[in-house]
Amino acid sequence: MADEELARDAGPGPPRRPPGALEAEVMGVLRAAGAPLSPGQVRERLAADGAEPVGGSPKELAELLRSDIVKWAKVVKAAKLQPQ
């Protein structure tokens, strides 16, 4: 698997409460923490951590995560890795 690349995948999961309630809760937390971050500030922070922010739909993120699970499961199995 020499041609593989390592990437961190992250994104919001599905809300467990009505979208309006979730939005109000998130905005309340942001207001309590001070001014919300601008999209540019978020991109700068991600880039500083070595991440390459990209957009996409929740469906695309789910497909990416599923394919990564399959890909990395093969690596773990081939290396005979065990949880510690």
C-alpha atoms as a PDB file:
ATOM      1  CA  MET A   1       0.000   0.000   0.000  1.00  0.00           C
ATOM      2  CA  ALA A   2       2.893   2.329  -0.727  1.00  0.00           C
ATOM      3  CA  ASP A   3       0.724   4.652  -2.834  1.00  0.00           C
ATOM      4  CA  GLU A   4      -1.812   5.242  -0.072  1.00  0.00           C
ATOM      5  CA  GLU A   5      -2.180   8.550   1.678  1.00  0.00           C
ATOM      6  CA  LEU A   6      -3.135   9.213   5.257  1.00  0.00           C
ATOM      7  CA  ALA A   7      -5.971  11.639   5.771  1.00  0.00           C
ATOM      8  CA  ARG A   8      -8.039  12.702   8.736  1.00  0.00           C
ATOM      9  CA  ASP A   9     -11.731  12.765   8.013  1.00  0.00           C
ATOM     10  CA  ALA A  10     -13.979  14.834  10.180  1.00  0.00           C
ATOM     11  CA  GLY A  11     -17.391  16.321   9.918  1.00  0.00           C
ATOM     12  CA  PRO A  12     -20.563  16.819  11.859  1.00  0.00           C
ATOM     13  CA  GLY A  13     -22.744  13.811  12.475  1.00  0.00           C
ATOM     14  CA  PRO A  14     -26.499  13.804  12.137  1.00  0.00           C
ATOM     15  CA  PRO A  15     -28.331  15.924  14.718  1.00  0.00           C
ATOM     16  CA  ARG A  16     -30.052  14.048  17.524  1.00  0.00           C
ATOM     17  CA  ARG A  17     -32.457  16.875  18.147  1.00  0.00           C
ATOM     18  CA  PRO A  18     -34.562  19.084  15.889  1.00  0.00           C
ATOM     19  CA  PRO A  19     -32.328  21.231  13.644  1.00  0.00           C
ATOM     20  CA  GLY A  20     -33.687  24.487  15.081  1.00  0.00           C
ATOM     21  CA  ALA A  21     -32.860  23.434  18.645  1.00  0.00           C
ATOM     22  CA  LEU A  22     -29.388  22.315  17.613  1.00  0.00           C
ATOM     23  CA  GLU A  23     -28.708  25.599  15.834  1.00  0.00           C
ATOM     24  CA  ALA A  24     -29.887  27.612  18.844  1.00  0.00           C
ATOM     25  CA  GLU A  25     -27.672  25.557  21.163  1.00  0.00           C
ATOM     26  CA  VAL A  26     -24.593  25.939  18.950  1.00  0.00           C
ATOM     27  CA  MET A  27     -25.134  29.672  18.542  1.00  0.00           C
ATOM     28  CA  GLY A  28     -25.566  30.030  22.315  1.00  0.00           C
ATOM     29  CA  VAL A  29     -22.233  28.309  22.904  1.00  0.00           C
ATOM     30  CA  LEU A  30     -20.529  30.489  20.287  1.00  0.00           C
ATOM     31  CA  ARG A  31     -21.986  33.671  21.787  1.00  0.00           C
ATOM     32  CA  ALA A  32     -20.854  32.615  25.264  1.00  0.00           C
ATOM     33  CA  ALA A  33     -17.331  31.977  23.934  1.00  0.00           C
ATOM     34  CA  GLY A  34     -17.118  35.384  22.241  1.00  0.00           C
ATOM     35  CA  ALA A  35     -17.331  36.278  18.578  1.00  0.00           C
ATOM     36  CA  PRO A  36     -17.886  33.287  16.305  1.00  0.00           C
ATOM     37  CA  LEU A  37     -15.030  32.349  14.035  1.00  0.00           C
ATOM     38  CA  SER A  38     -15.268  33.421  10.434  1.00  0.00           C
ATOM     39  CA  PRO A  39     -14.952  30.742   7.734  1.00  0.00           C
ATOM     40  CA  GLY A  40     -11.514  32.205   6.929  1.00  0.00           C
ATOM     41  CA  GLN A  41     -10.383  31.802  10.537  1.00  0.00           C
ATOM     42  CA  VAL A  42     -11.583  28.195  10.566  1.00  0.00           C
ATOM     43  CA  ARG A  43      -9.697  27.455   7.322  1.00  0.00           C
ATOM     44  CA  GLU A  44      -6.530  29.092   8.706  1.00  0.00           C
ATOM     45  CA  ARG A  45      -6.729  27.018  11.897  1.00  0.00           C
ATOM     46  CA  LEU A  46      -7.275  23.788   9.965  1.00  0.00           C
ATOM     47  CA  ALA A  47      -4.392  24.611   7.617  1.00  0.00           C
ATOM     48  CA  ALA A  48      -2.136  25.335  10.619  1.00  0.00           C
ATOM     49  CA  ASP A  49      -2.934  21.817  11.846  1.00  0.00           C
ATOM     50  CA  GLY A  50      -1.935  20.408   8.455  1.00  0.00           C
ATOM     51  CA  ALA A  51      -5.499  19.796   7.299  1.00  0.00           C
ATOM     52  CA  GLU A  52      -6.786  20.553   3.827  1.00  0.00           C
ATOM     53  CA  PRO A  53     -10.385  21.697   4.316  1.00  0.00           C
ATOM     54  CA  VAL A  54     -12.781  20.594   1.604  1.00  0.00           C
ATOM     55  CA  GLY A  55     -16.525  20.829   1.328  1.00  0.00           C
ATOM     56  CA  GLY A  56     -19.108  18.255   0.500  1.00  0.00           C
ATOM     57  CA  SER A  57     -22.476  16.887   1.402  1.00  0.00           C
ATOM     58  CA  PRO A  58     -23.194  14.685   4.432  1.00  0.00           C
ATOM     59  CA  LYS A  59     -23.715  11.805   1.994  1.00  0.00           C
ATOM     60  CA  GLU A  60     -20.253  12.343   0.473  1.00  0.00           C
ATOM     61  CA  LEU A  61     -18.685  12.413   3.943  1.00  0.00           C
ATOM     62  CA  ALA A  62     -20.452   9.165   4.874  1.00  0.00           C
ATOM     63  CA  GLU A  63     -19.179   7.518   1.668  1.00  0.00           C
ATOM     64  CA  LEU A  64     -15.639   8.752   2.359  1.00  0.00           C
ATOM     65  CA  LEU A  65     -15.722   7.418   5.916  1.00  0.00           C
ATOM     66  CA  ARG A  66     -17.047   4.033   4.742  1.00  0.00           C
ATOM     67  CA  SER A  67     -14.309   3.721   2.121  1.00  0.00           C
ATOM     68  CA  ASP A  68     -11.639   4.729   4.646  1.00  0.00           C
ATOM     69  CA  ILE A  69     -12.876   2.098   7.107  1.00  0.00           C
ATOM     70  CA  VAL A  70     -12.561  -0.581   4.417  1.00  0.00           C
ATOM     71  CA  LYS A  71      -9.118   0.675   3.325  1.00  0.00           C
ATOM     72  CA  TRP A  72      -7.644   0.920   6.819  1.00  0.00           C
ATOM     73  CA  ALA A  73      -9.211  -2.347   7.968  1.00  0.00           C
ATOM     74  CA  LYS A  74      -7.101  -4.060   5.278  1.00  0.00           C
ATOM     75  CA  VAL A  75      -3.967  -2.347   6.600  1.00  0.00           C
ATOM     76  CA  VAL A  76      -4.740  -3.315  10.198  1.00  0.00           C
ATOM     77  CA  LYS A  77      -5.451  -6.919   9.209  1.00  0.00           C
ATOM     78  CA  ALA A  78      -2.321  -7.213   7.042  1.00  0.00           C
ATOM     79  CA  ALA A  79      -0.160  -5.829   9.860  1.00  0.00           C
ATOM     80  CA  LYS A  80      -1.932  -8.066  12.408  1.00  0.00           C
ATOM     81  CA  LEU A  81      -2.480  -5.077  14.677  1.00  0.00           C
ATOM     82  CA  GLN A  82      -4.420  -5.530  17.895  1.00  0.00           C
ATOM     83  CA  PRO A  83      -6.078  -2.927  20.130  1.00  0.00           C
ATOM     84  CA  GLN A  84      -4.014  -1.968  23.154  1.00  0.00           C
END
